[in-house]
Amino acid sequence: MVRDFPDRWAVFRASALGDVTLTTGVLDWWHRTKGLRFTFITRSALAPILAGHPAVDEVIPVALGEIDGRDWWRKSRRIAAECTGMGFIDLHRSLRSMALNMHWDGPAKDYPKFGLTRRLYRYFPFGILERRLSTLNVPQRYALAMDATPPPAEELRPVIFLSESETTGARAHLSHLGLTKPFVALHPFATHPDKAWPMGYWLSLIPLIERQGLDWIIVGKDPDHLEALDDPRNLTGRTDLRETCALLAQAKALVTADSGPMHLATAVGTPVVALFGPTSKAWGFYPSGRFDTVLEQDLPCRPCSLHGTTTCKRGRECLTAIEPDEVAARLFHTLERSAGAIPVAP
């Protein structure tokens, strides 16, 4: 018989890079405060995020085709059988996780997704809806699967545990590139193109960074946009997920759109300057580090999308109105504050 509150739990969260990254601090919190240990079920491509996590005993990687395919019902039944004796924490709340839940022989928990409130706020951006959404960020919502009241946001910041060899490898990589000065990481991409700052703005930002005596690297997977930038510091598509995390850990800051690497940087303790356009901090996916900051425009059409998939009819004014000079100023201000250990609100 399975106890009502076992000390081993299986956690399901698939979907995107940022979603899984945001679970890491919550798992650490539950491990520290409740002594719990976890098996994590996620997409194969996202499994490396959990490597080295002290609360995670096992990761069950599932291929994208298995999660989205017709065989998921049978696959979820096999996973549930493998995890006999564990509780189940659904941090996805989708049809996929529902299939797992239906097969589970033991206690199951989920979290308040605020799905209806988010959708209402998208079409009716009233203050009362924004205040409700802004009360808790996503890790705090995750935590309510097991906690009666939301823990402080700073206790739930994502955390990625790098090995000594990963850190040494990143430093060797940077040395090979010839970087001898402090540097800033740039991530010019987004899963959905309408969330990305215009590429010309990124190219204008680089000389502003160099004038301050700083170097830079570019990280990310999208190979199409920066092929013209023939520079060894353009690492687009050249590093895997763990290597990217190790490089971000060496950077003084990351400048990025609303993206998964935004949360990776927070998880390795690197300050973030994030540019939000069609999405909103109210969704709860903003970076939560002590020195992280978000640049966004106060426009009546924002937010227009939950995930940045809405086609814009206004030329993406929400992003084009954020000028490189403004980003550079916020970046240098963030660097000064982090160097002086003066916290700044996200």
C-alpha atoms as a PDB file:
ATOM      1  CA  MET A   1       0.000   0.000   0.000  1.00  0.00           C
ATOM      2  CA  VAL A   2       1.278   3.476  -0.888  1.00  0.00           C
ATOM      3  CA  ARG A   3       1.489   5.945   1.978  1.00  0.00           C
ATOM      4  CA  ASP A   4      -0.591   9.143   1.692  1.00  0.00           C
ATOM      5  CA  PHE A   5       2.590  11.172   1.762  1.00  0.00           C
ATOM      6  CA  PRO A   6       5.552   9.150   0.463  1.00  0.00           C
ATOM      7  CA  ASP A   7       9.064  10.541   0.463  1.00  0.00           C
ATOM      8  CA  ARG A   8       9.523   9.696  -3.231  1.00  0.00           C
ATOM      9  CA  TRP A   9       7.554  11.541  -5.914  1.00  0.00           C
ATOM     10  CA  ALA A  10       7.502  11.465  -9.695  1.00  0.00           C
ATOM     11  CA  VAL A  11       7.232  14.904 -11.293  1.00  0.00           C
ATOM     12  CA  PHE A  12       5.937  15.491 -14.809  1.00  0.00           C
ATOM     13  CA  ARG A  13       6.745  18.672 -16.729  1.00  0.00           C
ATOM     14  CA  ALA A  14       7.412  18.566 -20.452  1.00  0.00           C
ATOM     15  CA  SER A  15       6.829  21.465 -22.834  1.00  0.00           C
ATOM     16  CA  ALA A  16       9.525  24.132 -23.093  1.00  0.00           C
ATOM     17  CA  LEU A  17      13.020  24.782 -21.758  1.00  0.00           C
ATOM     18  CA  GLY A  18      11.970  27.571 -19.423  1.00  0.00           C
ATOM     19  CA  ASP A  19       9.074  25.590 -17.943  1.00  0.00           C
ATOM     20  CA  VAL A  20      11.335  22.745 -16.857  1.00  0.00           C
ATOM     21  CA  THR A  21      14.093  25.077 -15.648  1.00  0.00           C
ATOM     22  CA  LEU A  22      11.610  26.836 -13.360  1.00  0.00           C
ATOM     23  CA  THR A  23      10.878  23.556 -11.563  1.00  0.00           C
ATOM     24  CA  THR A  24      14.468  23.135 -10.358  1.00  0.00           C
ATOM     25  CA  GLY A  25      14.293  25.580  -7.468  1.00  0.00           C
ATOM     26  CA  VAL A  26      10.960  24.159  -6.363  1.00  0.00           C
ATOM     27  CA  LEU A  27      12.392  20.650  -6.228  1.00  0.00           C
ATOM     28  CA  ASP A  28      15.312  21.974  -4.197  1.00  0.00           C
ATOM     29  CA  TRP A  29      12.894  23.712  -1.824  1.00  0.00           C
ATOM     30  CA  TRP A  30      10.831  20.555  -1.257  1.00  0.00           C
ATOM     31  CA  HIS A  31      14.020  18.576  -0.743  1.00  0.00           C
ATOM     32  CA  ARG A  32      15.306  21.058   1.856  1.00  0.00           C
ATOM     33  CA  THR A  33      12.029  21.578   3.709  1.00  0.00           C
ATOM     34  CA  LYS A  34      10.295  18.193   3.382  1.00  0.00           C
ATOM     35  CA  GLY A  35      13.141  15.758   2.716  1.00  0.00           C
ATOM     36  CA  LEU A  36      11.560  14.630  -0.559  1.00  0.00           C
ATOM     37  CA  ARG A  37      13.318  12.979  -3.483  1.00  0.00           C
ATOM     38  CA  PHE A  38      12.183  12.878  -7.079  1.00  0.00           C
ATOM     39  CA  THR A  39      11.991  11.053 -10.353  1.00  0.00           C
ATOM     40  CA  PHE A  40      11.493  13.579 -13.133  1.00  0.00           C
ATOM     41  CA  ILE A  41       9.594  12.766 -16.335  1.00  0.00           C
ATOM     42  CA  THR A  42      10.253  15.128 -19.234  1.00  0.00           C
ATOM     43  CA  ARG A  43      11.234  15.409 -22.873  1.00  0.00           C
ATOM     44  CA  SER A  44      14.580  13.839 -23.728  1.00  0.00           C
ATOM     45  CA  ALA A  45      16.001  17.144 -24.988  1.00  0.00           C
ATOM     46  CA  LEU A  46      15.291  18.797 -21.621  1.00  0.00           C
ATOM     47  CA  ALA A  47      16.596  16.031 -19.360  1.00  0.00           C
ATOM     48  CA  PRO A  48      20.124  17.570 -19.056  1.00  0.00           C
ATOM     49  CA  ILE A  49      18.637  20.441 -17.029  1.00  0.00           C
ATOM     50  CA  LEU A  50      18.197  18.052 -14.102  1.00  0.00           C
ATOM     51  CA  ALA A  51      21.722  16.594 -14.245  1.00  0.00           C
ATOM     52  CA  GLY A  52      23.463  16.818 -10.879  1.00  0.00           C
ATOM     53  CA  HIS A  53      20.375  18.044  -9.038  1.00  0.00           C
ATOM     54  CA  PRO A  54      20.724  16.769  -5.444  1.00  0.00           C
ATOM     55  CA  ALA A  55      16.999  16.057  -5.104  1.00  0.00           C
ATOM     56  CA  VAL A  56      16.586  14.149  -8.379  1.00  0.00           C
ATOM     57  CA  ASP A  57      17.394  10.430  -8.268  1.00  0.00           C
ATOM     58  CA  GLU A  58      16.362   9.652 -11.825  1.00  0.00           C
ATOM     59  CA  VAL A  59      15.178  11.347 -14.989  1.00  0.00           C
ATOM     60  CA  ILE A  60      12.833   9.431 -17.276  1.00  0.00           C
ATOM     61  CA  PRO A  61      13.420  10.951 -20.733  1.00  0.00           C
ATOM     62  CA  VAL A  62      10.600  10.697 -23.247  1.00  0.00           C
ATOM     63  CA  ALA A  63      11.079  11.396 -26.942  1.00  0.00           C
ATOM     64  CA  LEU A  64       8.963  14.185 -28.390  1.00  0.00           C
ATOM     65  CA  GLY A  65       7.269  11.731 -30.733  1.00  0.00           C
ATOM     66  CA  GLU A  66       6.316   9.516 -27.797  1.00  0.00           C
ATOM     67  CA  ILE A  67       4.732  12.368 -25.842  1.00  0.00           C
ATOM     68  CA  ASP A  68       2.803  13.763 -28.795  1.00  0.00           C
ATOM     69  CA  GLY A  69       2.046  10.448 -30.498  1.00  0.00           C
ATOM     70  CA  ARG A  70      -0.767   7.958 -30.209  1.00  0.00           C
ATOM     71  CA  ASP A  71       1.364   5.621 -28.106  1.00  0.00           C
ATOM     72  CA  TRP A  72       1.485   7.998 -25.141  1.00  0.00           C
ATOM     73  CA  TRP A  73      -1.390   6.222 -23.410  1.00  0.00           C
ATOM     74  CA  ARG A  74       0.568   2.948 -23.348  1.00  0.00           C
ATOM     75  CA  LYS A  75       3.838   4.724 -22.551  1.00  0.00           C
ATOM     76  CA  SER A  76       2.286   6.569 -19.618  1.00  0.00           C
ATOM     77  CA  ARG A  77       0.935   3.275 -18.244  1.00  0.00           C
ATOM     78  CA  ARG A  78       4.443   1.757 -18.358  1.00  0.00           C
ATOM     79  CA  ILE A  79       5.940   4.798 -16.637  1.00  0.00           C
ATOM     80  CA  ALA A  80       3.324   4.649 -13.895  1.00  0.00           C
ATOM     81  CA  ALA A  81       4.110   0.966 -13.354  1.00  0.00           C
ATOM     82  CA  GLU A  82       7.851   1.731 -13.118  1.00  0.00           C
ATOM     83  CA  CYS A  83       7.131   4.342 -10.431  1.00  0.00           C
ATOM     84  CA  THR A  84       5.005   2.154  -8.164  1.00  0.00           C
ATOM     85  CA  GLY A  85       5.228   3.380  -4.576  1.00  0.00           C
ATOM     86  CA  MET A  86       5.775   7.025  -5.520  1.00  0.00           C
ATOM     87  CA  GLY A  87       3.397   9.933  -5.422  1.00  0.00           C
ATOM     88  CA  PHE A  88       2.743  11.924  -8.591  1.00  0.00           C
ATOM     89  CA  ILE A  89       3.143  15.705  -8.987  1.00  0.00           C
ATOM     90  CA  ASP A  90       1.636  17.124 -12.162  1.00  0.00           C
ATOM     91  CA  LEU A  91       3.413  20.400 -12.970  1.00  0.00           C
ATOM     92  CA  HIS A  92       2.067  20.456 -16.509  1.00  0.00           C
ATOM     93  CA  ARG A  93      -1.714  19.956 -16.272  1.00  0.00           C
ATOM     94  CA  SER A  94      -2.306  18.847 -19.817  1.00  0.00           C
ATOM     95  CA  LEU A  95      -3.933  15.889 -21.563  1.00  0.00           C
ATOM     96  CA  ARG A  96      -0.526  14.171 -21.463  1.00  0.00           C
ATOM     97  CA  SER A  97      -0.195  14.488 -17.714  1.00  0.00           C
ATOM     98  CA  MET A  98      -3.840  13.514 -17.273  1.00  0.00           C
ATOM     99  CA  ALA A  99      -3.048  10.184 -18.921  1.00  0.00           C
ATOM    100  CA  LEU A 100      -0.256   9.588 -16.389  1.00  0.00           C
ATOM    101  CA  ASN A 101      -2.524  10.588 -13.531  1.00  0.00           C
ATOM    102  CA  MET A 102      -5.216   8.142 -14.617  1.00  0.00           C
ATOM    103  CA  HIS A 103      -2.709   5.278 -14.498  1.00  0.00           C
ATOM    104  CA  TRP A 104      -1.140   6.301 -11.183  1.00  0.00           C
ATOM    105  CA  ASP A 105      -1.628   4.050  -8.167  1.00  0.00           C
ATOM    106  CA  GLY A 106      -0.915   6.487  -5.384  1.00  0.00           C
ATOM    107  CA  PRO A 107      -1.403  10.079  -4.235  1.00  0.00           C
ATOM    108  CA  ALA A 108      -1.370  12.768  -6.915  1.00  0.00           C
ATOM    109  CA  LYS A 109      -0.922  16.521  -6.681  1.00  0.00           C
ATOM    110  CA  ASP A 110      -1.159  19.397  -9.138  1.00  0.00           C
ATOM    111  CA  TYR A 111      -0.876  23.168  -9.019  1.00  0.00           C
ATOM    112  CA  PRO A 112      -3.034  26.246  -9.763  1.00  0.00           C
ATOM    113  CA  LYS A 113      -2.266  27.104 -13.383  1.00  0.00           C
ATOM    114  CA  PHE A 114      -4.415  30.289 -13.452  1.00  0.00           C
ATOM    115  CA  GLY A 115      -5.257  29.355 -17.033  1.00  0.00           C
ATOM    116  CA  LEU A 116      -8.636  31.072 -17.154  1.00  0.00           C
ATOM    117  CA  THR A 117      -7.332  34.228 -15.474  1.00  0.00           C
ATOM    118  CA  ARG A 118      -4.424  34.411 -17.930  1.00  0.00           C
ATOM    119  CA  ARG A 119      -6.726  34.111 -20.908  1.00  0.00           C
ATOM    120  CA  LEU A 120      -9.155  36.684 -19.543  1.00  0.00           C
ATOM    121  CA  TYR A 121      -6.280  39.112 -18.895  1.00  0.00           C
ATOM    122  CA  ARG A 122      -5.023  38.692 -22.449  1.00  0.00           C
ATOM    123  CA  TYR A 123      -8.318  40.021 -23.827  1.00  0.00           C
ATOM    124  CA  PHE A 124      -9.370  42.218 -20.912  1.00  0.00           C
ATOM    125  CA  PRO A 125      -6.206  43.634 -19.278  1.00  0.00           C
ATOM    126  CA  PHE A 126      -7.978  44.907 -16.189  1.00  0.00           C
ATOM    127  CA  GLY A 127      -5.994  45.817 -13.109  1.00  0.00           C
ATOM    128  CA  ILE A 128      -7.773  43.292 -10.904  1.00  0.00           C
ATOM    129  CA  LEU A 129      -6.733  40.448 -13.194  1.00  0.00           C
ATOM    130  CA  GLU A 130      -3.149  41.711 -13.414  1.00  0.00           C
ATOM    131  CA  ARG A 131      -2.918  41.957  -9.634  1.00  0.00           C
ATOM    132  CA  ARG A 132      -4.191  38.407  -9.220  1.00  0.00           C
ATOM    133  CA  LEU A 133      -1.690  37.048 -11.712  1.00  0.00           C
ATOM    134  CA  SER A 134       1.204  39.117 -10.366  1.00  0.00           C
ATOM    135  CA  THR A 135       0.719  37.894  -6.809  1.00  0.00           C
ATOM    136  CA  LEU A 136       2.619  34.671  -7.546  1.00  0.00           C
ATOM    137  CA  ASN A 137       5.270  33.826 -10.111  1.00  0.00           C
ATOM    138  CA  VAL A 138       5.322  30.417 -11.794  1.00  0.00           C
ATOM    139  CA  PRO A 139       7.669  28.685  -9.284  1.00  0.00           C
ATOM    140  CA  GLN A 140       5.398  29.846  -6.442  1.00  0.00           C
ATOM    141  CA  ARG A 141       2.410  28.393  -8.312  1.00  0.00           C
ATOM    142  CA  TYR A 142       4.326  25.136  -8.775  1.00  0.00           C
ATOM    143  CA  ALA A 143       5.103  25.056  -5.056  1.00  0.00           C
ATOM    144  CA  LEU A 144       1.395  25.121  -4.176  1.00  0.00           C
ATOM    145  CA  ALA A 145       1.221  21.514  -5.376  1.00  0.00           C
ATOM    146  CA  MET A 146       2.783  20.571  -2.023  1.00  0.00           C
ATOM    147  CA  ASP A 147       2.717  23.719   0.117  1.00  0.00           C
ATOM    148  CA  ALA A 148      -0.406  25.160   1.721  1.00  0.00           C
ATOM    149  CA  THR A 149       0.905  28.699   1.303  1.00  0.00           C
ATOM    150  CA  PRO A 150       3.314  30.020  -1.339  1.00  0.00           C
ATOM    151  CA  PRO A 151       6.969  30.128  -0.219  1.00  0.00           C
ATOM    152  CA  PRO A 152       8.955  33.340  -0.797  1.00  0.00           C
ATOM    153  CA  ALA A 153       9.935  33.737  -4.450  1.00  0.00           C
ATOM    154  CA  GLU A 154      13.639  34.010  -3.569  1.00  0.00           C
ATOM    155  CA  GLU A 155      13.538  30.497  -2.045  1.00  0.00           C
ATOM    156  CA  LEU A 156      12.327  29.038  -5.330  1.00  0.00           C
ATOM    157  CA  ARG A 157      14.729  30.555  -7.827  1.00  0.00           C
ATOM    158  CA  PRO A 158      15.761  28.009 -10.438  1.00  0.00           C
ATOM    159  CA  VAL A 159      19.107  26.363  -9.839  1.00  0.00           C
ATOM    160  CA  ILE A 160      21.312  24.335 -12.185  1.00  0.00           C
ATOM    161  CA  PHE A 161      24.151  22.361 -10.649  1.00  0.00           C
ATOM    162  CA  LEU A 162      27.278  22.452 -12.805  1.00  0.00           C
ATOM    163  CA  SER A 163      30.117  20.011 -12.315  1.00  0.00           C
ATOM    164  CA  GLU A 164      33.712  21.107 -11.873  1.00  0.00           C
ATOM    165  CA  SER A 165      34.573  19.630 -15.264  1.00  0.00           C
ATOM    166  CA  GLU A 166      31.775  21.623 -16.931  1.00  0.00           C
ATOM    167  CA  THR A 167      33.046  24.834 -15.369  1.00  0.00           C
ATOM    168  CA  THR A 168      36.633  24.050 -16.364  1.00  0.00           C
ATOM    169  CA  GLY A 169      35.487  23.250 -19.898  1.00  0.00           C
ATOM    170  CA  ALA A 170      33.669  26.567 -20.216  1.00  0.00           C
ATOM    171  CA  ARG A 171      36.723  28.503 -19.083  1.00  0.00           C
ATOM    172  CA  ALA A 172      38.893  26.617 -21.567  1.00  0.00           C
ATOM    173  CA  HIS A 173      36.395  27.358 -24.339  1.00  0.00           C
ATOM    174  CA  LEU A 174      36.450  31.075 -23.543  1.00  0.00           C
ATOM    175  CA  SER A 175      40.240  31.070 -23.440  1.00  0.00           C
ATOM    176  CA  HIS A 176      40.314  29.371 -26.834  1.00  0.00           C
ATOM    177  CA  LEU A 177      38.113  32.177 -28.180  1.00  0.00           C
ATOM    178  CA  GLY A 178      40.639  34.704 -26.908  1.00  0.00           C
ATOM    179  CA  LEU A 179      38.339  36.303 -24.329  1.00  0.00           C
ATOM    180  CA  THR A 180      40.456  37.951 -21.663  1.00  0.00           C
ATOM    181  CA  LYS A 181      38.044  40.676 -20.500  1.00  0.00           C
ATOM    182  CA  PRO A 182      34.765  40.406 -18.609  1.00  0.00           C
ATOM    183  CA  PHE A 183      32.022  39.594 -21.082  1.00  0.00           C
ATOM    184  CA  VAL A 184      28.281  39.766 -21.608  1.00  0.00           C
ATOM    185  CA  ALA A 185      26.285  36.923 -23.137  1.00  0.00           C
ATOM    186  CA  LEU A 186      23.695  37.752 -25.786  1.00  0.00           C
ATOM    187  CA  HIS A 187      20.774  35.525 -26.755  1.00  0.00           C
ATOM    188  CA  PRO A 188      19.081  37.158 -29.764  1.00  0.00           C
ATOM    189  CA  PHE A 189      16.564  34.383 -30.400  1.00  0.00           C
ATOM    190  CA  ALA A 190      13.131  33.255 -29.259  1.00  0.00           C
ATOM    191  CA  THR A 191      11.127  30.134 -29.960  1.00  0.00           C
ATOM    192  CA  HIS A 192       8.427  32.337 -31.467  1.00  0.00           C
ATOM    193  CA  PRO A 193       9.895  35.049 -33.757  1.00  0.00           C
ATOM    194  CA  ASP A 194       7.461  37.740 -32.602  1.00  0.00           C
ATOM    195  CA  LYS A 195       9.127  37.676 -29.162  1.00  0.00           C
ATOM    196  CA  ALA A 196      12.577  38.463 -30.606  1.00  0.00           C
ATOM    197  CA  TRP A 197      14.147  41.931 -30.552  1.00  0.00           C
ATOM    198  CA  PRO A 198      15.045  43.029 -34.130  1.00  0.00           C
ATOM    199  CA  MET A 199      18.367  41.591 -35.247  1.00  0.00           C
ATOM    200  CA  GLY A 200      19.707  44.968 -36.341  1.00  0.00           C
ATOM    201  CA  TYR A 201      19.254  46.223 -32.786  1.00  0.00           C
ATOM    202  CA  TRP A 202      21.425  43.407 -31.486  1.00  0.00           C
ATOM    203  CA  LEU A 203      24.161  44.318 -33.939  1.00  0.00           C
ATOM    204  CA  SER A 204      23.917  47.937 -32.752  1.00  0.00           C
ATOM    205  CA  LEU A 205      24.159  46.851 -29.117  1.00  0.00           C
ATOM    206  CA  ILE A 206      27.481  45.042 -29.588  1.00  0.00           C
ATOM    207  CA  PRO A 207      29.651  48.178 -30.164  1.00  0.00           C
ATOM    208  CA  LEU A 208      27.973  49.862 -27.170  1.00  0.00           C
ATOM    209  CA  ILE A 209      29.120  46.941 -25.037  1.00  0.00           C
ATOM    210  CA  GLU A 210      32.625  47.055 -26.477  1.00  0.00           C
ATOM    211  CA  ARG A 211      32.949  50.788 -25.730  1.00  0.00           C
ATOM    212  CA  GLN A 212      32.560  49.981 -22.054  1.00  0.00           C
ATOM    213  CA  GLY A 213      35.602  47.701 -22.182  1.00  0.00           C
ATOM    214  CA  LEU A 214      33.513  44.534 -22.168  1.00  0.00           C
ATOM    215  CA  ASP A 215      33.601  41.551 -24.475  1.00  0.00           C
ATOM    216  CA  TRP A 216      30.650  39.441 -25.611  1.00  0.00           C
ATOM    217  CA  ILE A 217      29.528  36.060 -26.836  1.00  0.00           C
ATOM    218  CA  ILE A 218      26.334  34.984 -28.583  1.00  0.00           C
ATOM    219  CA  VAL A 219      24.589  31.815 -27.446  1.00  0.00           C
ATOM    220  CA  GLY A 220      21.553  30.034 -28.808  1.00  0.00           C
ATOM    221  CA  LYS A 221      20.367  27.447 -31.276  1.00  0.00           C
ATOM    222  CA  ASP A 222      18.842  29.376 -34.188  1.00  0.00           C
ATOM    223  CA  PRO A 223      21.418  29.243 -37.025  1.00  0.00           C
ATOM    224  CA  ASP A 224      19.513  31.349 -39.540  1.00  0.00           C
ATOM    225  CA  HIS A 225      19.704  34.884 -38.229  1.00  0.00           C
ATOM    226  CA  LEU A 226      23.370  35.444 -37.470  1.00  0.00           C
ATOM    227  CA  GLU A 227      25.177  33.528 -40.172  1.00  0.00           C
ATOM    228  CA  ALA A 228      26.372  36.867 -41.539  1.00  0.00           C
ATOM    229  CA  LEU A 229      28.179  37.635 -38.267  1.00  0.00           C
ATOM    230  CA  ASP A 230      31.403  35.778 -38.970  1.00  0.00           C
ATOM    231  CA  ASP A 231      33.033  36.039 -35.564  1.00  0.00           C
ATOM    232  CA  PRO A 232      34.351  33.245 -33.312  1.00  0.00           C
ATOM    233  CA  ARG A 233      32.368  34.765 -30.447  1.00  0.00           C
ATOM    234  CA  ASN A 234      29.162  33.900 -32.282  1.00  0.00           C
ATOM    235  CA  LEU A 235      28.525  30.479 -30.740  1.00  0.00           C
ATOM    236  CA  THR A 236      25.072  30.044 -32.262  1.00  0.00           C
ATOM    237  CA  GLY A 237      24.357  26.336 -32.589  1.00  0.00           C
ATOM    238  CA  ARG A 238      27.829  25.349 -31.344  1.00  0.00           C
ATOM    239  CA  THR A 239      27.142  24.418 -27.723  1.00  0.00           C
ATOM    240  CA  ASP A 240      24.818  21.899 -26.132  1.00  0.00           C
ATOM    241  CA  LEU A 241      22.492  22.702 -23.244  1.00  0.00           C
ATOM    242  CA  ARG A 242      24.952  22.023 -20.415  1.00  0.00           C
ATOM    243  CA  GLU A 243      27.792  23.835 -22.215  1.00  0.00           C
ATOM    244  CA  THR A 244      25.534  26.846 -22.669  1.00  0.00           C
ATOM    245  CA  CYS A 245      24.740  26.852 -18.944  1.00  0.00           C
ATOM    246  CA  ALA A 246      28.445  26.666 -18.066  1.00  0.00           C
ATOM    247  CA  LEU A 247      29.248  29.584 -20.401  1.00  0.00           C
ATOM    248  CA  LEU A 248      26.386  31.647 -18.972  1.00  0.00           C
ATOM    249  CA  ALA A 249      27.771  31.035 -15.489  1.00  0.00           C
ATOM    250  CA  GLN A 250      30.999  32.771 -16.548  1.00  0.00           C
ATOM    251  CA  ALA A 251      29.234  35.810 -18.044  1.00  0.00           C
ATOM    252  CA  LYS A 252      28.712  39.061 -16.156  1.00  0.00           C
ATOM    253  CA  ALA A 253      25.151  39.281 -17.500  1.00  0.00           C
ATOM    254  CA  LEU A 254      22.826  37.943 -20.180  1.00  0.00           C
ATOM    255  CA  VAL A 255      20.731  40.100 -22.495  1.00  0.00           C
ATOM    256  CA  THR A 256      17.856  38.122 -23.972  1.00  0.00           C
ATOM    257  CA  ALA A 257      14.285  38.095 -25.151  1.00  0.00           C
ATOM    258  CA  ASP A 258      11.599  36.288 -23.154  1.00  0.00           C
ATOM    259  CA  SER A 259      13.177  32.863 -23.614  1.00  0.00           C
ATOM    260  CA  GLY A 260      14.348  29.658 -21.987  1.00  0.00           C
ATOM    261  CA  PRO A 261      17.997  30.796 -21.656  1.00  0.00           C
ATOM    262  CA  MET A 262      16.676  33.725 -19.616  1.00  0.00           C
ATOM    263  CA  HIS A 263      15.887  31.196 -16.858  1.00  0.00           C
ATOM    264  CA  LEU A 264      19.103  29.238 -17.419  1.00  0.00           C
ATOM    265  CA  ALA A 265      21.098  32.382 -16.604  1.00  0.00           C
ATOM    266  CA  THR A 266      19.130  32.981 -13.411  1.00  0.00           C
ATOM    267  CA  ALA A 267      19.681  29.333 -12.493  1.00  0.00           C
ATOM    268  CA  VAL A 268      23.479  29.715 -12.663  1.00  0.00           C
ATOM    269  CA  GLY A 269      23.458  33.061 -10.847  1.00  0.00           C
ATOM    270  CA  THR A 270      24.067  35.371 -13.816  1.00  0.00           C
ATOM    271  CA  PRO A 271      22.072  38.648 -13.910  1.00  0.00           C
ATOM    272  CA  VAL A 272      19.539  38.965 -16.722  1.00  0.00           C
ATOM    273  CA  VAL A 273      18.299  41.911 -18.778  1.00  0.00           C
ATOM    274  CA  ALA A 274      15.160  40.594 -20.472  1.00  0.00           C
ATOM    275  CA  LEU A 275      13.202  42.297 -23.257  1.00  0.00           C
ATOM    276  CA  PHE A 276       9.478  41.569 -23.143  1.00  0.00           C
ATOM    277  CA  GLY A 277       7.231  42.377 -26.088  1.00  0.00           C
ATOM    278  CA  PRO A 278       3.988  40.487 -26.777  1.00  0.00           C
ATOM    279  CA  THR A 279       4.175  38.589 -23.478  1.00  0.00           C
ATOM    280  CA  SER A 280       3.891  39.999 -19.975  1.00  0.00           C
ATOM    281  CA  LYS A 281       5.488  39.675 -16.563  1.00  0.00           C
ATOM    282  CA  ALA A 282       1.966  38.976 -15.312  1.00  0.00           C
ATOM    283  CA  TRP A 283       2.149  35.495 -16.829  1.00  0.00           C
ATOM    284  CA  GLY A 284       4.674  34.759 -14.060  1.00  0.00           C
ATOM    285  CA  PHE A 285       7.564  33.596 -16.276  1.00  0.00           C
ATOM    286  CA  TYR A 286       9.831  36.585 -15.657  1.00  0.00           C
ATOM    287  CA  PRO A 287      13.443  36.124 -14.453  1.00  0.00           C
ATOM    288  CA  SER A 288      13.604  36.152 -10.661  1.00  0.00           C
ATOM    289  CA  GLY A 289      17.273  36.656  -9.750  1.00  0.00           C
ATOM    290  CA  ARG A 290      18.335  39.388  -7.305  1.00  0.00           C
ATOM    291  CA  PHE A 291      19.621  41.612 -10.099  1.00  0.00           C
ATOM    292  CA  ASP A 292      17.402  40.478 -12.961  1.00  0.00           C
ATOM    293  CA  THR A 293      15.421  43.170 -14.727  1.00  0.00           C
ATOM    294  CA  VAL A 294      12.777  43.381 -17.459  1.00  0.00           C
ATOM    295  CA  LEU A 295      12.487  46.058 -20.140  1.00  0.00           C
ATOM    296  CA  GLU A 296       9.014  46.474 -21.615  1.00  0.00           C
ATOM    297  CA  GLN A 297       6.816  49.136 -23.176  1.00  0.00           C
ATOM    298  CA  ASP A 298       3.536  50.356 -21.667  1.00  0.00           C
ATOM    299  CA  LEU A 299       1.274  49.912 -24.685  1.00  0.00           C
ATOM    300  CA  PRO A 300      -2.503  49.375 -24.744  1.00  0.00           C
ATOM    301  CA  CYS A 301      -2.087  46.334 -27.023  1.00  0.00           C
ATOM    302  CA  ARG A 302       0.125  44.494 -24.530  1.00  0.00           C
ATOM    303  CA  PRO A 303       0.060  41.684 -23.719  1.00  0.00           C
ATOM    304  CA  CYS A 304      -1.275  40.226 -26.945  1.00  0.00           C
ATOM    305  CA  SER A 305      -0.158  36.622 -26.490  1.00  0.00           C
ATOM    306  CA  LEU A 306       0.384  33.944 -23.878  1.00  0.00           C
ATOM    307  CA  HIS A 307       3.437  32.534 -25.627  1.00  0.00           C
ATOM    308  CA  GLY A 308       4.359  35.113 -28.264  1.00  0.00           C
ATOM    309  CA  THR A 309       2.604  33.417 -31.171  1.00  0.00           C
ATOM    310  CA  THR A 310       0.215  36.210 -32.143  1.00  0.00           C
ATOM    311  CA  THR A 311       1.005  37.906 -35.443  1.00  0.00           C
ATOM    312  CA  CYS A 312       1.515  41.633 -34.867  1.00  0.00           C
ATOM    313  CA  LYS A 313      -0.272  44.249 -36.995  1.00  0.00           C
ATOM    314  CA  ARG A 314       1.679  47.167 -35.499  1.00  0.00           C
ATOM    315  CA  GLY A 315       5.190  46.264 -36.591  1.00  0.00           C
ATOM    316  CA  ARG A 316       6.076  44.832 -33.169  1.00  0.00           C
ATOM    317  CA  GLU A 317       6.177  48.316 -31.657  1.00  0.00           C
ATOM    318  CA  CYS A 318       6.438  46.695 -28.231  1.00  0.00           C
ATOM    319  CA  LEU A 319       9.976  45.623 -29.168  1.00  0.00           C
ATOM    320  CA  THR A 320      11.069  48.118 -31.821  1.00  0.00           C
ATOM    321  CA  ALA A 321      10.404  50.955 -29.356  1.00  0.00           C
ATOM    322  CA  ILE A 322      13.100  49.548 -27.039  1.00  0.00           C
ATOM    323  CA  GLU A 323      16.259  51.182 -28.404  1.00  0.00           C
ATOM    324  CA  PRO A 324      19.798  49.732 -28.130  1.00  0.00           C
ATOM    325  CA  ASP A 325      20.917  52.749 -26.067  1.00  0.00           C
ATOM    326  CA  GLU A 326      18.197  51.995 -23.507  1.00  0.00           C
ATOM    327  CA  VAL A 327      19.182  48.343 -23.314  1.00  0.00           C
ATOM    328  CA  ALA A 328      22.849  49.250 -22.935  1.00  0.00           C
ATOM    329  CA  ALA A 329      22.039  51.703 -20.140  1.00  0.00           C
ATOM    330  CA  ARG A 330      19.982  49.109 -18.271  1.00  0.00           C
ATOM    331  CA  LEU A 331      22.718  46.521 -18.792  1.00  0.00           C
ATOM    332  CA  PHE A 332      25.468  48.751 -17.388  1.00  0.00           C
ATOM    333  CA  HIS A 333      23.241  49.737 -14.463  1.00  0.00           C
ATOM    334  CA  THR A 334      22.620  46.039 -13.739  1.00  0.00           C
ATOM    335  CA  LEU A 335      26.352  45.307 -13.874  1.00  0.00           C
ATOM    336  CA  GLU A 336      27.070  48.126 -11.417  1.00  0.00           C
ATOM    337  CA  ARG A 337      24.420  46.927  -8.991  1.00  0.00           C
ATOM    338  CA  SER A 338      25.467  43.276  -9.150  1.00  0.00           C
ATOM    339  CA  ALA A 339      29.106  44.226  -8.652  1.00  0.00           C
ATOM    340  CA  GLY A 340      28.118  46.226  -5.579  1.00  0.00           C
ATOM    341  CA  ALA A 341      25.671  43.531  -4.359  1.00  0.00           C
ATOM    342  CA  ILE A 342      22.787  45.998  -4.288  1.00  0.00           C
ATOM    343  CA  PRO A 343      19.549  44.096  -5.014  1.00  0.00           C
ATOM    344  CA  VAL A 344      17.263  45.385  -7.739  1.00  0.00           C
ATOM    345  CA  ALA A 345      13.639  44.351  -8.181  1.00  0.00           C
ATOM    346  CA  PRO A 346      12.856  42.146 -11.202  1.00  0.00           C
END
